[in-house]
Amino acid sequence: MPQETIGRPIQIAGMAYAPTNEQGVVFLFGRLAPRIGIQVEEVNTRFPDCIGWYRGKRCKIEVEYRASGYRGHRAAGADLIVC
């Protein structure tokens, strides 16, 4: 059986440990989006990962585990990058 990988403990309702991959960041972003004023309206499996509203503007949101994961995307492709 493969060993589980967990991040450091965090205190976010519904998530006990920090993300260790991009899908964990997607989940954490979903938990925190309302707190930071983002209304997600669409989640995709292709670029951009999300479409949502922030500060009254519709925006393309890309989610990455690390900021370096954004390399290779168009520089002006996303309005927000969540890492």
C-alpha atoms as a PDB file:
ATOM      1  CA  MET A   1       0.000   0.000   0.000  1.00  0.00           C
ATOM      2  CA  PRO A   2       1.463   3.430  -0.967  1.00  0.00           C
ATOM      3  CA  GLN A   3       2.293   5.830   1.853  1.00  0.00           C
ATOM      4  CA  GLU A   4      -0.082   8.780   2.142  1.00  0.00           C
ATOM      5  CA  THR A   5       1.335  12.260   1.680  1.00  0.00           C
ATOM      6  CA  ILE A   6      -0.109  14.956   3.877  1.00  0.00           C
ATOM      7  CA  GLY A   7       0.863  18.572   4.344  1.00  0.00           C
ATOM      8  CA  ARG A   8       1.375  20.488   7.525  1.00  0.00           C
ATOM      9  CA  PRO A   9      -1.643  20.943   9.819  1.00  0.00           C
ATOM     10  CA  ILE A  10      -3.776  23.999   9.010  1.00  0.00           C
ATOM     11  CA  GLN A  11      -6.832  25.513  10.621  1.00  0.00           C
ATOM     12  CA  ILE A  12      -9.267  25.875   7.741  1.00  0.00           C
ATOM     13  CA  ALA A  13     -12.781  24.550   8.302  1.00  0.00           C
ATOM     14  CA  GLY A  14     -13.155  21.337   6.327  1.00  0.00           C
ATOM     15  CA  MET A  15      -9.441  20.850   5.607  1.00  0.00           C
ATOM     16  CA  ALA A  16      -7.034  19.461   8.217  1.00  0.00           C
ATOM     17  CA  TYR A  17      -3.758  19.597   6.252  1.00  0.00           C
ATOM     18  CA  ALA A  18      -2.168  21.963   3.717  1.00  0.00           C
ATOM     19  CA  PRO A  19      -2.341  20.890   0.069  1.00  0.00           C
ATOM     20  CA  THR A  20       0.405  18.730  -1.407  1.00  0.00           C
ATOM     21  CA  ASN A  21      -0.806  18.927  -5.022  1.00  0.00           C
ATOM     22  CA  GLU A  22      -2.904  21.052  -7.373  1.00  0.00           C
ATOM     23  CA  GLN A  23      -6.185  19.307  -6.557  1.00  0.00           C
ATOM     24  CA  GLY A  24      -5.637  20.145  -2.891  1.00  0.00           C
ATOM     25  CA  VAL A  25      -5.170  23.797  -3.857  1.00  0.00           C
ATOM     26  CA  VAL A  26      -8.432  23.650  -5.858  1.00  0.00           C
ATOM     27  CA  PHE A  27     -10.254  22.314  -2.789  1.00  0.00           C
ATOM     28  CA  LEU A  28      -8.684  24.890  -0.464  1.00  0.00           C
ATOM     29  CA  PHE A  29      -9.492  27.687  -2.920  1.00  0.00           C
ATOM     30  CA  GLY A  30     -13.107  26.502  -2.929  1.00  0.00           C
ATOM     31  CA  ARG A  31     -13.176  26.755   0.869  1.00  0.00           C
ATOM     32  CA  LEU A  32     -11.596  30.239   0.931  1.00  0.00           C
ATOM     33  CA  ALA A  33     -13.089  31.911  -2.167  1.00  0.00           C
ATOM     34  CA  PRO A  34     -16.096  33.391  -0.328  1.00  0.00           C
ATOM     35  CA  ARG A  35     -13.835  34.818   2.396  1.00  0.00           C
ATOM     36  CA  ILE A  36     -11.717  36.685  -0.140  1.00  0.00           C
ATOM     37  CA  GLY A  37     -14.657  37.929  -2.184  1.00  0.00           C
ATOM     38  CA  ILE A  38     -14.524  35.540  -5.144  1.00  0.00           C
ATOM     39  CA  GLN A  39     -17.716  34.059  -6.574  1.00  0.00           C
ATOM     40  CA  VAL A  40     -16.865  30.993  -8.690  1.00  0.00           C
ATOM     41  CA  GLU A  41     -19.300  30.333 -11.511  1.00  0.00           C
ATOM     42  CA  GLU A  42     -17.472  27.647 -13.503  1.00  0.00           C
ATOM     43  CA  VAL A  43     -14.746  25.058 -12.841  1.00  0.00           C
ATOM     44  CA  ASN A  44     -12.899  23.477 -15.783  1.00  0.00           C
ATOM     45  CA  THR A  45     -10.421  20.681 -16.432  1.00  0.00           C
ATOM     46  CA  ARG A  46      -8.697  22.864 -19.029  1.00  0.00           C
ATOM     47  CA  PHE A  47      -7.327  26.409 -18.988  1.00  0.00           C
ATOM     48  CA  PRO A  48      -8.573  28.470 -17.236  1.00  0.00           C
ATOM     49  CA  ASP A  49      -9.353  26.298 -14.221  1.00  0.00           C
ATOM     50  CA  CYS A  50     -12.135  28.628 -13.034  1.00  0.00           C
ATOM     51  CA  ILE A  51     -14.271  31.485 -14.215  1.00  0.00           C
ATOM     52  CA  GLY A  52     -15.522  33.739 -11.481  1.00  0.00           C
ATOM     53  CA  TRP A  53     -16.230  37.219 -10.259  1.00  0.00           C
ATOM     54  CA  TYR A  54     -13.827  39.340  -8.221  1.00  0.00           C
ATOM     55  CA  ARG A  55     -14.292  43.007  -7.352  1.00  0.00           C
ATOM     56  CA  GLY A  56     -17.185  43.300  -9.774  1.00  0.00           C
ATOM     57  CA  LYS A  57     -15.291  41.911 -12.754  1.00  0.00           C
ATOM     58  CA  ARG A  58     -15.572  38.538 -14.449  1.00  0.00           C
ATOM     59  CA  CYS A  59     -12.151  36.891 -14.418  1.00  0.00           C
ATOM     60  CA  LYS A  60     -10.235  33.828 -15.563  1.00  0.00           C
ATOM     61  CA  ILE A  61      -8.630  32.040 -12.611  1.00  0.00           C
ATOM     62  CA  GLU A  62      -5.803  29.533 -12.941  1.00  0.00           C
ATOM     63  CA  VAL A  63      -4.962  27.233 -10.019  1.00  0.00           C
ATOM     64  CA  GLU A  64      -1.451  25.841  -9.557  1.00  0.00           C
ATOM     65  CA  TYR A  65       0.237  23.977  -6.713  1.00  0.00           C
ATOM     66  CA  ARG A  66       3.308  26.180  -7.187  1.00  0.00           C
ATOM     67  CA  ALA A  67       3.588  29.457  -9.088  1.00  0.00           C
ATOM     68  CA  SER A  68       6.257  27.865 -11.295  1.00  0.00           C
ATOM     69  CA  GLY A  69       3.520  25.559 -12.610  1.00  0.00           C
ATOM     70  CA  TYR A  70       2.140  28.517 -14.571  1.00  0.00           C
ATOM     71  CA  ARG A  71       5.142  28.450 -16.925  1.00  0.00           C
ATOM     72  CA  GLY A  72       4.054  27.600 -20.432  1.00  0.00           C
ATOM     73  CA  HIS A  73       0.687  29.338 -20.160  1.00  0.00           C
ATOM     74  CA  ARG A  74       0.087  32.550 -22.053  1.00  0.00           C
ATOM     75  CA  ALA A  75       1.384  35.478 -20.006  1.00  0.00           C
ATOM     76  CA  ALA A  76      -1.894  37.364 -20.322  1.00  0.00           C
ATOM     77  CA  GLY A  77      -4.073  34.239 -20.142  1.00  0.00           C
ATOM     78  CA  ALA A  78      -5.303  34.474 -16.554  1.00  0.00           C
ATOM     79  CA  ASP A  79      -6.607  37.380 -14.521  1.00  0.00           C
ATOM     80  CA  LEU A  80      -5.817  35.641 -11.214  1.00  0.00           C
ATOM     81  CA  ILE A  81      -3.386  32.850 -10.365  1.00  0.00           C
ATOM     82  CA  VAL A  82      -4.082  30.922  -7.176  1.00  0.00           C
ATOM     83  CA  CYS A  83      -1.167  28.945  -5.701  1.00  0.00           C
END
